[in-house]
Amino acid sequence: MDLWLAAENGVLTLPSGRLVRGRGLGRPMPSGHPPTFGAYLLGSPPPEFGWESRWVRWPDFRLPADPAYTRKVLLEVLDRAGGERVELACHGGRGRTGTALACLAVLDGVPPLEAVAFVRAHYHPSAVETPWQRRFVRLFKP
């Protein structure tokens, strides 16, 4: 199976070398291969995409409604990213997606206090938008 290319728009390379694409559902779908698995961080259920997915109930500018379930989904994302095209997405692709990518980086070995900077440097400079999202990442345990 073809995986993401590290140079593709929105693709974050984790320290382990695994690739995960972040994107905003409010923007057009990037060209190229579609994901084989996605985790969608939204206040209401996402539409049907045509590939396997998980919905994490996560209202805009807030925190996930069920942090334990969020951790479970992120562990699945990390595992599947080893051999599949996996994406994380919210409506805008910055706050919730950036927060989830930062937590994913923590699970992959980035220290929690460095994870927001890591995602901002390697994904998007305005990822993780709110103070409570930054705090969520700082307190996230590997």
Protein backbone atom coordinates (compact mmCIF):
# COMPACT_ATOMS: atom_id res chain seq x y z
CA MET A 1 0.00 0.00 0.00
CA ASP A 2 1.20 3.51 -0.81
CA LEU A 3 1.64 5.60 2.33
CA TRP A 4 1.60 9.39 2.59
CA LEU A 5 4.66 11.22 1.33
CA ALA A 6 6.35 13.31 4.02
CA ALA A 7 6.31 16.36 1.71
CA GLU A 8 2.53 16.19 1.13
CA ASN A 9 0.43 19.05 2.45
CA GLY A 10 -0.60 18.49 6.07
CA VAL A 11 1.50 15.37 6.64
CA LEU A 12 3.30 15.24 9.99
CA THR A 13 6.31 12.97 10.38
CA LEU A 14 6.42 11.63 13.93
CA PRO A 15 9.76 10.81 15.63
CA SER A 16 9.23 7.11 14.84
CA GLY A 17 8.93 7.96 11.14
CA ARG A 18 5.21 7.25 11.03
CA LEU A 19 3.24 9.68 8.88
CA VAL A 20 -0.16 11.13 9.80
CA ARG A 21 -2.06 13.69 7.77
CA GLY A 22 -3.90 16.49 9.50
CA ARG A 23 -6.52 18.43 7.60
CA GLY A 24 -9.52 20.68 7.84
CA LEU A 25 -12.79 19.20 6.65
CA GLY A 26 -13.91 22.70 5.70
CA ARG A 27 -11.29 22.75 2.95
CA PRO A 28 -11.20 20.72 -0.27
CA MET A 29 -9.85 17.17 -0.01
CA PRO A 30 -6.15 17.12 -0.93
CA SER A 31 -5.34 15.45 -4.22
CA GLY A 32 -3.76 12.03 -4.31
CA HIS A 33 -4.71 8.91 -2.42
CA PRO A 34 -7.55 9.08 0.10
CA PRO A 35 -6.92 7.90 3.64
CA THR A 36 -7.56 4.31 4.60
CA PHE A 37 -8.47 5.35 8.16
CA GLY A 38 -9.49 8.62 9.76
CA ALA A 39 -10.23 10.03 13.18
CA TYR A 40 -12.65 12.95 13.08
CA LEU A 41 -12.68 15.43 15.95
CA LEU A 42 -16.07 17.11 15.74
CA GLY A 43 -18.96 18.25 17.90
CA SER A 44 -21.41 16.15 15.87
CA PRO A 45 -21.00 12.91 13.89
CA PRO A 46 -19.09 13.24 10.61
CA PRO A 47 -20.52 12.22 7.25
CA GLU A 48 -19.75 8.81 5.78
CA PHE A 49 -16.38 9.00 4.02
CA GLY A 50 -15.99 5.63 2.33
CA TRP A 51 -13.12 4.47 4.56
CA GLU A 52 -12.98 3.24 8.11
CA SER A 53 -13.17 6.00 10.69
CA ARG A 54 -13.70 6.92 14.33
CA TRP A 55 -15.60 9.93 15.64
CA VAL A 56 -14.25 11.69 18.71
CA ARG A 57 -16.88 14.05 20.13
CA TRP A 58 -14.90 17.25 20.46
CA PRO A 59 -16.69 20.63 20.17
CA ASP A 60 -14.88 23.46 18.39
CA PHE A 61 -12.37 25.40 20.55
CA ARG A 62 -12.91 22.98 23.44
CA LEU A 63 -11.55 19.67 24.71
CA PRO A 64 -12.68 16.13 23.90
CA ALA A 65 -15.85 15.03 25.70
CA ASP A 66 -14.27 11.68 26.64
CA PRO A 67 -10.48 11.90 27.15
CA ALA A 68 -10.14 8.13 27.75
CA TYR A 69 -11.84 7.34 24.45
CA THR A 70 -9.70 10.01 22.74
CA ARG A 71 -6.55 8.29 24.02
CA LYS A 72 -7.84 4.93 22.73
CA VAL A 73 -8.48 6.40 19.26
CA LEU A 74 -5.06 8.11 19.19
CA LEU A 75 -3.36 4.83 20.09
CA GLU A 76 -5.22 3.22 17.18
CA VAL A 77 -4.16 6.08 14.89
CA LEU A 78 -0.52 5.64 15.94
CA ASP A 79 -0.66 1.88 15.43
CA ARG A 80 -2.35 2.09 12.04
CA ALA A 81 -0.02 4.86 10.82
CA GLY A 82 2.73 2.24 10.69
CA GLY A 83 1.26 0.76 7.51
CA GLU A 84 -1.79 2.78 6.44
CA ARG A 85 -2.71 6.28 5.24
CA VAL A 86 -4.20 7.75 8.42
CA GLU A 87 -5.61 11.22 8.93
CA LEU A 88 -6.81 13.33 11.85
CA ALA A 89 -9.26 16.10 11.01
CA CYS A 90 -11.59 18.71 12.47
CA HIS A 91 -13.41 21.49 10.64
CA GLY A 92 -10.51 23.96 10.40
CA GLY A 93 -7.57 21.59 10.81
CA ARG A 94 -5.71 23.67 13.41
CA GLY A 95 -7.08 23.61 16.98
CA ARG A 96 -8.53 20.17 17.60
CA THR A 97 -6.42 18.55 14.88
CA GLY A 98 -3.27 20.24 16.16
CA THR A 99 -4.08 19.22 19.73
CA ALA A 100 -4.65 15.60 18.69
CA LEU A 101 -1.42 15.61 16.65
CA ALA A 102 0.48 16.97 19.66
CA CYS A 103 -0.97 14.23 21.86
CA LEU A 104 -0.04 11.70 19.19
CA ALA A 105 3.51 13.08 19.24
CA VAL A 106 3.57 12.55 23.03
CA LEU A 107 2.51 8.93 22.50
CA ASP A 108 5.36 8.64 19.97
CA GLY A 109 8.00 9.93 22.38
CA VAL A 110 7.94 13.74 22.29
CA PRO A 111 7.95 15.15 25.85
CA PRO A 112 4.56 16.72 26.67
CA LEU A 113 6.12 20.15 27.31
CA GLU A 114 7.64 20.12 23.80
CA ALA A 115 4.76 18.61 21.83
CA VAL A 116 2.94 21.84 20.90
CA ALA A 117 6.17 23.38 19.59
CA PHE A 118 6.90 20.16 17.67
CA VAL A 119 3.50 20.25 15.94
CA ARG A 120 3.75 23.97 15.23
CA ALA A 121 7.18 23.49 13.68
CA HIS A 122 6.31 20.42 11.60
CA TYR A 123 2.58 20.74 10.87
CA HIS A 124 1.22 24.29 11.17
CA PRO A 125 2.47 27.37 13.08
CA SER A 126 -0.95 28.11 14.60
CA ALA A 127 -1.82 24.54 15.60
CA VAL A 128 -3.27 24.06 19.10
CA GLU A 129 -5.30 27.26 19.34
CA THR A 130 -6.48 27.73 22.91
CA PRO A 131 -4.81 27.83 26.34
CA TRP A 132 -6.89 24.85 27.52
CA GLN A 133 -5.83 22.84 24.45
CA ARG A 134 -2.17 23.61 25.25
CA ARG A 135 -2.79 22.56 28.87
CA PHE A 136 -4.46 19.34 27.70
CA VAL A 137 -1.29 18.47 25.75
CA ARG A 138 1.03 19.40 28.65
CA LEU A 139 -0.93 17.05 30.95
CA PHE A 140 -1.28 14.25 28.39
CA LYS A 141 0.59 11.14 29.53
CA PRO A 142 2.38 8.76 27.15
